[in-house]
């Protein structure tokens, strides 16, 4: 998760947590009509589906905070949806990465707390030196890297344009 200090605040949530999930999802080609000569791909694992749902929950939050002044109730509802999606990811996490997923979701929760306290001011993420220090710690950064690697290996590859 050690990207807060390097990334622009406008993309803080996507960069710090969404990047973990870039391996989720398919490509535009996946939406085409099925090729009868090819077998159907296996359905995503519960963890991969939860990781994709988490990424999808983060996108509207990023859109909200990019607008500037966000109505508090709308911000709170959107943050609550992101928290639920994160918990779903923890519940679905395989045993071998559960601790890292818990730590990654904890890091997201810390960012959500700052956003909620600041009324959606995304620059508050980079101004919070305690948060930045925690997210850049080996404990949190390592967990994020391990979850990212797991997702890339087990949930399919993201499109080249979404990889960082």
C-alpha atoms as a PDB file:
ATOM      1  CA  UNK A   1       0.000   0.000   0.000  1.00  0.00           C
ATOM      2  CA  UNK A   2       2.971   2.300  -0.017  1.00  0.00           C
ATOM      3  CA  UNK A   3       1.782   4.549  -2.788  1.00  0.00           C
ATOM      4  CA  UNK A   4       0.012   7.377  -0.958  1.00  0.00           C
ATOM      5  CA  UNK A   5       3.174   9.448  -0.793  1.00  0.00           C
ATOM      6  CA  UNK A   6       3.963   8.806  -4.455  1.00  0.00           C
ATOM      7  CA  UNK A   7       0.492   9.039  -5.973  1.00  0.00           C
ATOM      8  CA  UNK A   8      -1.683  12.074  -6.492  1.00  0.00           C
ATOM      9  CA  UNK A   9      -4.443  12.424  -3.939  1.00  0.00           C
ATOM     10  CA  UNK A  10      -7.097  12.406  -6.656  1.00  0.00           C
ATOM     11  CA  UNK A  11      -6.470   8.732  -7.302  1.00  0.00           C
ATOM     12  CA  UNK A  12      -5.505   7.712  -3.774  1.00  0.00           C
ATOM     13  CA  UNK A  13      -8.165   5.079  -3.204  1.00  0.00           C
ATOM     14  CA  UNK A  14      -7.906   3.528  -6.633  1.00  0.00           C
ATOM     15  CA  UNK A  15      -4.133   3.489  -6.529  1.00  0.00           C
ATOM     16  CA  UNK A  16      -3.770   2.184  -3.006  1.00  0.00           C
ATOM     17  CA  UNK A  17      -6.472  -0.417  -2.951  1.00  0.00           C
ATOM     18  CA  UNK A  18      -7.919  -0.712  -6.422  1.00  0.00           C
ATOM     19  CA  UNK A  19      -4.485  -1.549  -7.778  1.00  0.00           C
ATOM     20  CA  UNK A  20      -4.537  -4.655  -5.609  1.00  0.00           C
ATOM     21  CA  UNK A  21      -7.537  -5.846  -7.569  1.00  0.00           C
ATOM     22  CA  UNK A  22      -6.437  -5.091 -11.114  1.00  0.00           C
ATOM     23  CA  UNK A  23      -6.201  -8.745 -11.977  1.00  0.00           C
ATOM     24  CA  UNK A  24      -9.954  -9.092 -11.554  1.00  0.00           C
ATOM     25  CA  UNK A  25     -12.401  -8.868 -14.384  1.00  0.00           C
ATOM     26  CA  UNK A  26     -12.179  -9.665 -18.025  1.00  0.00           C
ATOM     27  CA  UNK A  27     -11.606  -7.860 -21.248  1.00  0.00           C
ATOM     28  CA  UNK A  28     -13.935  -6.432 -23.848  1.00  0.00           C
ATOM     29  CA  UNK A  29     -13.439  -9.640 -25.798  1.00  0.00           C
ATOM     30  CA  UNK A  30     -15.111 -11.550 -22.966  1.00  0.00           C
ATOM     31  CA  UNK A  31     -18.380  -9.796 -23.795  1.00  0.00           C
ATOM     32  CA  UNK A  32     -18.471 -11.158 -27.325  1.00  0.00           C
ATOM     33  CA  UNK A  33     -20.743 -14.039 -28.263  1.00  0.00           C
ATOM     34  CA  UNK A  34     -19.334 -17.358 -27.098  1.00  0.00           C
ATOM     35  CA  UNK A  35     -17.201 -19.262 -29.556  1.00  0.00           C
ATOM     36  CA  UNK A  36     -18.724 -22.755 -29.890  1.00  0.00           C
ATOM     37  CA  UNK A  37     -15.255 -24.252 -30.411  1.00  0.00           C
ATOM     38  CA  UNK A  38     -14.021 -22.978 -27.058  1.00  0.00           C
ATOM     39  CA  UNK A  39     -14.985 -24.276 -23.673  1.00  0.00           C
ATOM     40  CA  UNK A  40     -16.601 -21.919 -21.201  1.00  0.00           C
ATOM     41  CA  UNK A  41     -14.263 -20.377 -18.668  1.00  0.00           C
ATOM     42  CA  UNK A  42     -14.709 -21.492 -15.098  1.00  0.00           C
ATOM     43  CA  UNK A  43     -16.789 -19.155 -12.957  1.00  0.00           C
ATOM     44  CA  UNK A  44     -14.717 -16.890 -10.729  1.00  0.00           C
ATOM     45  CA  UNK A  45     -13.883 -18.099  -7.266  1.00  0.00           C
ATOM     46  CA  UNK A  46     -15.852 -16.517  -4.424  1.00  0.00           C
ATOM     47  CA  UNK A  47     -12.756 -14.509  -3.493  1.00  0.00           C
ATOM     48  CA  UNK A  48     -12.200 -13.244  -7.044  1.00  0.00           C
ATOM     49  CA  UNK A  49     -15.874 -12.287  -7.298  1.00  0.00           C
ATOM     50  CA  UNK A  50     -15.645 -10.455  -3.950  1.00  0.00           C
ATOM     51  CA  UNK A  51     -12.468  -8.678  -5.044  1.00  0.00           C
ATOM     52  CA  UNK A  52     -14.168  -7.519  -8.248  1.00  0.00           C
ATOM     53  CA  UNK A  53     -17.216  -6.338  -6.277  1.00  0.00           C
ATOM     54  CA  UNK A  54     -14.912  -4.409  -3.964  1.00  0.00           C
ATOM     55  CA  UNK A  55     -13.246  -2.680  -6.883  1.00  0.00           C
ATOM     56  CA  UNK A  56     -16.658  -1.810  -8.301  1.00  0.00           C
ATOM     57  CA  UNK A  57     -17.701  -0.330  -4.924  1.00  0.00           C
ATOM     58  CA  UNK A  58     -14.592   1.879  -4.855  1.00  0.00           C
ATOM     59  CA  UNK A  59     -15.230   3.419  -8.283  1.00  0.00           C
ATOM     60  CA  UNK A  60     -18.302   5.469  -7.266  1.00  0.00           C
ATOM     61  CA  UNK A  61     -16.471   6.685  -4.173  1.00  0.00           C
ATOM     62  CA  UNK A  62     -13.623   7.980  -6.294  1.00  0.00           C
ATOM     63  CA  UNK A  63     -16.154   9.733  -8.516  1.00  0.00           C
ATOM     64  CA  UNK A  64     -17.787  11.361  -5.504  1.00  0.00           C
ATOM     65  CA  UNK A  65     -14.620  12.674  -3.919  1.00  0.00           C
ATOM     66  CA  UNK A  66     -13.392  13.959  -7.268  1.00  0.00           C
ATOM     67  CA  UNK A  67     -16.440  16.257  -7.331  1.00  0.00           C
ATOM     68  CA  UNK A  68     -15.286  18.166  -4.274  1.00  0.00           C
ATOM     69  CA  UNK A  69     -18.003  18.970  -1.766  1.00  0.00           C
ATOM     70  CA  UNK A  70     -19.927  15.760  -1.213  1.00  0.00           C
ATOM     71  CA  UNK A  71     -23.217  15.595   0.682  1.00  0.00           C
ATOM     72  CA  UNK A  72     -22.345  13.863   3.954  1.00  0.00           C
ATOM     73  CA  UNK A  73     -25.163  11.306   3.743  1.00  0.00           C
ATOM     74  CA  UNK A  74     -24.195  10.311   0.200  1.00  0.00           C
ATOM     75  CA  UNK A  75     -20.546  10.020   1.208  1.00  0.00           C
ATOM     76  CA  UNK A  76     -21.480   7.907   4.243  1.00  0.00           C
ATOM     77  CA  UNK A  77     -23.655   5.549   2.148  1.00  0.00           C
ATOM     78  CA  UNK A  78     -20.946   5.097  -0.461  1.00  0.00           C
ATOM     79  CA  UNK A  79     -18.270   4.486   2.172  1.00  0.00           C
ATOM     80  CA  UNK A  80     -20.540   1.961   3.887  1.00  0.00           C
ATOM     81  CA  UNK A  81     -20.873   0.071   0.587  1.00  0.00           C
ATOM     82  CA  UNK A  82     -17.082  -0.001   0.194  1.00  0.00           C
ATOM     83  CA  UNK A  83     -16.697  -1.281   3.765  1.00  0.00           C
ATOM     84  CA  UNK A  84     -19.261  -4.064   3.145  1.00  0.00           C
ATOM     85  CA  UNK A  85     -17.500  -5.082  -0.050  1.00  0.00           C
ATOM     86  CA  UNK A  86     -14.178  -5.160   1.798  1.00  0.00           C
ATOM     87  CA  UNK A  87     -15.627  -7.379   4.506  1.00  0.00           C
ATOM     88  CA  UNK A  88     -17.034  -9.695   1.858  1.00  0.00           C
ATOM     89  CA  UNK A  89     -13.530  -9.969   0.461  1.00  0.00           C
ATOM     90  CA  UNK A  90     -12.146 -10.881   3.874  1.00  0.00           C
ATOM     91  CA  UNK A  91     -14.857 -13.515   4.388  1.00  0.00           C
ATOM     92  CA  UNK A  92     -14.129 -15.063   0.978  1.00  0.00           C
ATOM     93  CA  UNK A  93     -10.332 -14.905   1.266  1.00  0.00           C
ATOM     94  CA  UNK A  94      -8.478 -18.206   1.013  1.00  0.00           C
ATOM     95  CA  UNK A  95      -6.655 -19.157   4.204  1.00  0.00           C
ATOM     96  CA  UNK A  96      -3.211 -18.634   2.662  1.00  0.00           C
ATOM     97  CA  UNK A  97      -3.828 -14.900   2.089  1.00  0.00           C
ATOM     98  CA  UNK A  98      -6.551 -14.117   4.624  1.00  0.00           C
ATOM     99  CA  UNK A  99      -4.213 -12.165   6.936  1.00  0.00           C
ATOM    100  CA  UNK A 100      -2.933 -10.076   4.026  1.00  0.00           C
ATOM    101  CA  UNK A 101      -6.474  -9.416   2.798  1.00  0.00           C
ATOM    102  CA  UNK A 102      -7.504  -8.385   6.326  1.00  0.00           C
ATOM    103  CA  UNK A 103      -4.560  -5.985   6.509  1.00  0.00           C
ATOM    104  CA  UNK A 104      -5.329  -4.598   3.035  1.00  0.00           C
ATOM    105  CA  UNK A 105      -8.963  -4.025   3.957  1.00  0.00           C
ATOM    106  CA  UNK A 106      -7.798  -2.420   7.213  1.00  0.00           C
ATOM    107  CA  UNK A 107      -5.646  -0.016   5.176  1.00  0.00           C
ATOM    108  CA  UNK A 108      -8.645   0.846   3.044  1.00  0.00           C
ATOM    109  CA  UNK A 109     -10.702   1.381   6.194  1.00  0.00           C
ATOM    110  CA  UNK A 110      -8.159   3.872   7.525  1.00  0.00           C
ATOM    111  CA  UNK A 111      -8.413   5.820   4.268  1.00  0.00           C
ATOM    112  CA  UNK A 112     -12.205   5.697   4.410  1.00  0.00           C
ATOM    113  CA  UNK A 113     -12.119   7.050   7.972  1.00  0.00           C
ATOM    114  CA  UNK A 114     -10.038  10.033   6.852  1.00  0.00           C
ATOM    115  CA  UNK A 115     -12.334  10.669   3.900  1.00  0.00           C
ATOM    116  CA  UNK A 116     -15.425  10.538   6.077  1.00  0.00           C
ATOM    117  CA  UNK A 117     -13.903  12.802   8.734  1.00  0.00           C
ATOM    118  CA  UNK A 118     -12.814  15.310   6.085  1.00  0.00           C
ATOM    119  CA  UNK A 119     -16.169  15.347   4.289  1.00  0.00           C
ATOM    120  CA  UNK A 120     -14.709  13.672   1.216  1.00  0.00           C
ATOM    121  CA  UNK A 121     -11.622  15.876   0.918  1.00  0.00           C
ATOM    122  CA  UNK A 122      -9.279  13.554  -0.919  1.00  0.00           C
ATOM    123  CA  UNK A 123      -6.267  15.767  -0.247  1.00  0.00           C
ATOM    124  CA  UNK A 124      -6.713  14.902   3.445  1.00  0.00           C
ATOM    125  CA  UNK A 125      -5.357  11.439   2.608  1.00  0.00           C
ATOM    126  CA  UNK A 126      -1.961  12.763   1.626  1.00  0.00           C
ATOM    127  CA  UNK A 127      -1.909  15.394   4.401  1.00  0.00           C
ATOM    128  CA  UNK A 128      -2.430  12.776   7.112  1.00  0.00           C
ATOM    129  CA  UNK A 129       1.182  11.920   7.933  1.00  0.00           C
ATOM    130  CA  UNK A 130       0.206   9.182  10.393  1.00  0.00           C
ATOM    131  CA  UNK A 131      -1.911   7.474   7.720  1.00  0.00           C
ATOM    132  CA  UNK A 132       0.826   7.831   5.118  1.00  0.00           C
ATOM    133  CA  UNK A 133       3.373   6.366   7.510  1.00  0.00           C
ATOM    134  CA  UNK A 134       1.155   3.367   8.284  1.00  0.00           C
ATOM    135  CA  UNK A 135       0.339   2.705   4.643  1.00  0.00           C
ATOM    136  CA  UNK A 136       4.015   2.902   3.707  1.00  0.00           C
ATOM    137  CA  UNK A 137       5.036   0.493   6.479  1.00  0.00           C
ATOM    138  CA  UNK A 138       6.392  -2.901   5.407  1.00  0.00           C
ATOM    139  CA  UNK A 139       3.427  -4.561   7.130  1.00  0.00           C
ATOM    140  CA  UNK A 140       0.774  -2.839   4.997  1.00  0.00           C
ATOM    141  CA  UNK A 141       2.802  -2.432   1.803  1.00  0.00           C
ATOM    142  CA  UNK A 142       3.829  -6.095   1.865  1.00  0.00           C
ATOM    143  CA  UNK A 143       0.262  -7.263   2.440  1.00  0.00           C
ATOM    144  CA  UNK A 144      -0.954  -5.218  -0.504  1.00  0.00           C
ATOM    145  CA  UNK A 145       1.746  -6.616  -2.775  1.00  0.00           C
ATOM    146  CA  UNK A 146       0.973 -10.198  -1.771  1.00  0.00           C
ATOM    147  CA  UNK A 147      -2.761  -9.732  -2.346  1.00  0.00           C
ATOM    148  CA  UNK A 148      -2.076  -8.083  -5.701  1.00  0.00           C
ATOM    149  CA  UNK A 149       0.146 -10.990  -6.750  1.00  0.00           C
ATOM    150  CA  UNK A 150      -2.459 -13.524  -5.624  1.00  0.00           C
ATOM    151  CA  UNK A 151      -5.221 -11.763  -7.548  1.00  0.00           C
ATOM    152  CA  UNK A 152      -3.096 -11.547 -10.682  1.00  0.00           C
ATOM    153  CA  UNK A 153      -2.234 -15.257 -10.472  1.00  0.00           C
ATOM    154  CA  UNK A 154      -5.670 -16.567  -9.555  1.00  0.00           C
ATOM    155  CA  UNK A 155      -8.315 -14.140 -10.760  1.00  0.00           C
ATOM    156  CA  UNK A 156      -7.243 -13.505 -14.338  1.00  0.00           C
ATOM    157  CA  UNK A 157      -5.144 -10.784 -15.823  1.00  0.00           C
ATOM    158  CA  UNK A 158      -6.315  -7.190 -16.000  1.00  0.00           C
ATOM    159  CA  UNK A 159      -6.067  -5.254 -19.206  1.00  0.00           C
ATOM    160  CA  UNK A 160      -2.650  -3.700 -19.901  1.00  0.00           C
ATOM    161  CA  UNK A 161      -4.122  -0.204 -19.618  1.00  0.00           C
ATOM    162  CA  UNK A 162      -5.164  -0.830 -16.016  1.00  0.00           C
ATOM    163  CA  UNK A 163      -1.892  -2.273 -14.759  1.00  0.00           C
ATOM    164  CA  UNK A 164       0.469  -0.047 -12.843  1.00  0.00           C
END
